[in-house]
Structure formats: C-alpha cells, structure tokens
Amino acid sequence: MNFINQIKFDASGLIPAIAQDWKTGEILMCAYMNAESLTKTIETGRATYFSRSRQSLWLKGETSGHYQNVKEILVDCDADVLVLKIEQMGGIACHTGNRTCFYRKIEGGEIVE
C-alpha cells in the first residue's frame, strides 16, 4: 500500500481520524490510527483504531457490537488528518452510550450537555 508513505503520521506514529456519518454528515467521534490500523480498516471495511491508553489496535464495536462500516476515507490537504465516512451500526459511537462523542458544548464559559 504505497499511499501509507504519503500519510503524515505524528512523532508517535499516529494520525487523527474523524468518524462522520456517511449519510447525515454528523461528526460522531475522533480517534487515532497508526499505519497498521489504517491498513486493517481498508482491508476489512470496518474501522480499526489505535488505542493510546492500551497501546494496541482497537476494532470499534468488538465488545459493544457498535461496529463502524467504512464507506469512504478522506485525507486532508496536508495528509495529517483523516475523515472516515462510516455507517454506525447500533446507532452509538460514544463509549458513554451517546450517539456521538460531541454531545456537549461550551456556553457562557462552561461545558454543558
């Protein structure tokens, strides 16, 4: 996979990957990928990320059943961020049980739900 050499992974060998609903455009989550997880995602069609806390590959949905079927992968102009257009299985992307990880906002100087 020659494209891997064109991706600008950071000093830790990671790249941010934003998961976006392929139909609605809603941003569901942000995680990180390394070369191995990106390759595995392309090979299987299911989002596989790199868990920074566990220092290992993480197949999204492996324990929850909320898999992400990848429809398309976009690379930004600098090749240092990815967008995965995905079909979110089970309707939940966030480990908190919310549809999206972005369910909070800043209002009046505070983070609110």
C-alpha atoms as a PDB file:
ATOM      1  CA  MET A   1       0.000   0.000   0.000  1.00  0.00           C
ATOM      2  CA  ASN A   2       2.066   2.875  -1.342  1.00  0.00           C
ATOM      3  CA  PHE A   3      -0.271   5.569  -0.026  1.00  0.00           C
ATOM      4  CA  ILE A   4       0.890   4.867   3.559  1.00  0.00           C
ATOM      5  CA  ASN A   5       4.162   6.658   2.763  1.00  0.00           C
ATOM      6  CA  GLN A   6       2.173   9.775   1.833  1.00  0.00           C
ATOM      7  CA  ILE A   7       0.327   9.936   5.175  1.00  0.00           C
ATOM      8  CA  LYS A   8       1.929  12.259   7.734  1.00  0.00           C
ATOM      9  CA  PHE A   9       1.790  10.363  10.989  1.00  0.00           C
ATOM     10  CA  ASP A  10       2.916  12.304  14.078  1.00  0.00           C
ATOM     11  CA  ALA A  11       6.073  11.549  16.099  1.00  0.00           C
ATOM     12  CA  SER A  12       4.189   8.715  17.850  1.00  0.00           C
ATOM     13  CA  GLY A  13       3.188   7.193  14.508  1.00  0.00           C
ATOM     14  CA  LEU A  14      -0.448   8.313  14.812  1.00  0.00           C
ATOM     15  CA  ILE A  15      -2.919  10.365  12.788  1.00  0.00           C
ATOM     16  CA  PRO A  16      -6.274  11.775  13.982  1.00  0.00           C
ATOM     17  CA  ALA A  17      -9.262  10.055  12.378  1.00  0.00           C
ATOM     18  CA  ILE A  18     -12.672  11.714  12.499  1.00  0.00           C
ATOM     19  CA  ALA A  19     -15.662   9.379  12.126  1.00  0.00           C
ATOM     20  CA  GLN A  20     -18.528  11.039  10.264  1.00  0.00           C
ATOM     21  CA  ASP A  21     -21.962   9.590   9.485  1.00  0.00           C
ATOM     22  CA  TRP A  22     -21.855   8.921   5.745  1.00  0.00           C
ATOM     23  CA  LYS A  23     -25.498   9.900   5.195  1.00  0.00           C
ATOM     24  CA  THR A  24     -26.066  12.860   7.533  1.00  0.00           C
ATOM     25  CA  GLY A  25     -22.569  14.324   7.819  1.00  0.00           C
ATOM     26  CA  GLU A  26     -22.843  14.287  11.636  1.00  0.00           C
ATOM     27  CA  ILE A  27     -19.454  14.088  13.389  1.00  0.00           C
ATOM     28  CA  LEU A  28     -19.585  11.031  15.636  1.00  0.00           C
ATOM     29  CA  MET A  29     -16.141  10.685  17.165  1.00  0.00           C
ATOM     30  CA  CYS A  30     -12.427  11.295  16.857  1.00  0.00           C
ATOM     31  CA  ALA A  31      -9.817   8.621  17.444  1.00  0.00           C
ATOM     32  CA  TYR A  32      -6.300   7.841  16.265  1.00  0.00           C
ATOM     33  CA  MET A  33      -4.898   5.428  13.724  1.00  0.00           C
ATOM     34  CA  ASN A  34      -1.434   4.121  13.032  1.00  0.00           C
ATOM     35  CA  ALA A  35      -0.269   2.554   9.758  1.00  0.00           C
ATOM     36  CA  GLU A  36      -1.373  -0.914  10.868  1.00  0.00           C
ATOM     37  CA  SER A  37      -4.875   0.126  11.952  1.00  0.00           C
ATOM     38  CA  LEU A  38      -5.382   2.168   8.772  1.00  0.00           C
ATOM     39  CA  THR A  39      -4.304  -0.790   6.639  1.00  0.00           C
ATOM     40  CA  LYS A  40      -6.575  -3.149   8.604  1.00  0.00           C
ATOM     41  CA  THR A  41      -9.501  -0.719   8.185  1.00  0.00           C
ATOM     42  CA  ILE A  42      -9.011  -0.672   4.431  1.00  0.00           C
ATOM     43  CA  GLU A  43      -8.655  -4.460   4.242  1.00  0.00           C
ATOM     44  CA  THR A  44     -11.736  -5.273   6.373  1.00  0.00           C
ATOM     45  CA  GLY A  45     -14.026  -2.304   5.700  1.00  0.00           C
ATOM     46  CA  ARG A  46     -14.520  -1.896   9.468  1.00  0.00           C
ATOM     47  CA  ALA A  47     -12.972   0.945  11.443  1.00  0.00           C
ATOM     48  CA  THR A  48      -9.950  -0.168  13.438  1.00  0.00           C
ATOM     49  CA  TYR A  49      -8.213   2.449  15.539  1.00  0.00           C
ATOM     50  CA  PHE A  50      -5.129   2.581  17.755  1.00  0.00           C
ATOM     51  CA  SER A  51      -5.911   2.909  21.449  1.00  0.00           C
ATOM     52  CA  ARG A  52      -3.428   5.290  23.023  1.00  0.00           C
ATOM     53  CA  SER A  53      -4.373   4.187  26.547  1.00  0.00           C
ATOM     54  CA  ARG A  54      -3.994   0.460  25.838  1.00  0.00           C
ATOM     55  CA  GLN A  55      -1.243   0.871  23.217  1.00  0.00           C
ATOM     56  CA  SER A  56      -2.955  -1.644  20.942  1.00  0.00           C
ATOM     57  CA  LEU A  57      -5.273  -1.938  17.954  1.00  0.00           C
ATOM     58  CA  TRP A  58      -8.955  -1.437  18.692  1.00  0.00           C
ATOM     59  CA  LEU A  59     -11.674  -2.724  16.386  1.00  0.00           C
ATOM     60  CA  LYS A  60     -14.540  -0.321  17.046  1.00  0.00           C
ATOM     61  CA  GLY A  61     -17.545  -2.357  18.170  1.00  0.00           C
ATOM     62  CA  GLU A  62     -15.625  -5.501  19.053  1.00  0.00           C
ATOM     63  CA  THR A  63     -17.052  -5.544  22.588  1.00  0.00           C
ATOM     64  CA  SER A  64     -20.122  -3.297  22.204  1.00  0.00           C
ATOM     65  CA  GLY A  65     -21.376  -4.547  18.851  1.00  0.00           C
ATOM     66  CA  HIS A  66     -21.445  -0.946  17.590  1.00  0.00           C
ATOM     67  CA  TYR A  67     -19.195  -1.501  14.587  1.00  0.00           C
ATOM     68  CA  GLN A  68     -18.367   1.187  12.062  1.00  0.00           C
ATOM     69  CA  ASN A  69     -18.629   0.103   8.434  1.00  0.00           C
ATOM     70  CA  VAL A  70     -16.359   2.366   6.415  1.00  0.00           C
ATOM     71  CA  LYS A  71     -17.834   3.772   3.207  1.00  0.00           C
ATOM     72  CA  GLU A  72     -15.049   6.207   2.295  1.00  0.00           C
ATOM     73  CA  ILE A  73     -11.796   7.579   3.712  1.00  0.00           C
ATOM     74  CA  LEU A  74     -10.805  11.188   3.049  1.00  0.00           C
ATOM     75  CA  VAL A  75      -7.327  12.634   3.553  1.00  0.00           C
ATOM     76  CA  ASP A  76      -6.937  16.351   4.230  1.00  0.00           C
ATOM     77  CA  CYS A  77      -4.719  18.623   2.119  1.00  0.00           C
ATOM     78  CA  ASP A  78      -1.706  18.192   4.427  1.00  0.00           C
ATOM     79  CA  ALA A  79      -2.233  14.410   4.739  1.00  0.00           C
ATOM     80  CA  ASP A  80      -2.202  14.705   8.540  1.00  0.00           C
ATOM     81  CA  VAL A  81      -5.910  14.136   9.340  1.00  0.00           C
ATOM     82  CA  LEU A  82      -8.355  11.502   8.119  1.00  0.00           C
ATOM     83  CA  VAL A  83     -12.137  11.553   7.853  1.00  0.00           C
ATOM     84  CA  LEU A  84     -13.842   8.167   7.848  1.00  0.00           C
ATOM     85  CA  LYS A  85     -17.313   8.316   6.366  1.00  0.00           C
ATOM     86  CA  ILE A  86     -18.982   5.479   8.206  1.00  0.00           C
ATOM     87  CA  GLU A  87     -22.216   3.647   8.767  1.00  0.00           C
ATOM     88  CA  GLN A  88     -22.560   3.470  12.554  1.00  0.00           C
ATOM     89  CA  MET A  89     -24.031   0.115  13.494  1.00  0.00           C
ATOM     90  CA  GLY A  90     -26.263   0.117  16.583  1.00  0.00           C
ATOM     91  CA  GLY A  91     -26.568   3.901  16.459  1.00  0.00           C
ATOM     92  CA  ILE A  92     -23.997   4.532  19.218  1.00  0.00           C
ATOM     93  CA  ALA A  93     -20.469   5.788  18.562  1.00  0.00           C
ATOM     94  CA  CYS A  94     -19.507   7.059  22.035  1.00  0.00           C
ATOM     95  CA  HIS A  95     -18.371   4.846  24.903  1.00  0.00           C
ATOM     96  CA  THR A  96     -20.731   6.872  27.140  1.00  0.00           C
ATOM     97  CA  GLY A  97     -23.735   5.435  25.300  1.00  0.00           C
ATOM     98  CA  ASN A  98     -24.432   8.617  23.340  1.00  0.00           C
ATOM     99  CA  ARG A  99     -24.837   8.574  19.563  1.00  0.00           C
ATOM    100  CA  THR A 100     -21.903  10.969  19.194  1.00  0.00           C
ATOM    101  CA  CYS A 101     -18.940  11.852  21.376  1.00  0.00           C
ATOM    102  CA  PHE A 102     -19.751  15.510  20.667  1.00  0.00           C
ATOM    103  CA  TYR A 103     -22.889  15.846  22.810  1.00  0.00           C
ATOM    104  CA  ARG A 104     -21.566  18.711  24.973  1.00  0.00           C
ATOM    105  CA  LYS A 105     -20.877  22.359  24.107  1.00  0.00           C
ATOM    106  CA  ILE A 106     -19.333  25.457  25.630  1.00  0.00           C
ATOM    107  CA  GLU A 107     -21.892  28.032  26.753  1.00  0.00           C
ATOM    108  CA  GLY A 108     -21.174  31.039  28.927  1.00  0.00           C
ATOM    109  CA  GLY A 109     -17.687  29.805  29.706  1.00  0.00           C
ATOM    110  CA  GLU A 110     -18.863  26.351  30.862  1.00  0.00           C
ATOM    111  CA  ILE A 111     -19.193  22.915  29.306  1.00  0.00           C
ATOM    112  CA  VAL A 112     -22.857  21.880  29.267  1.00  0.00           C
ATOM    113  CA  GLU A 113     -24.856  18.936  27.911  1.00  0.00           C
END
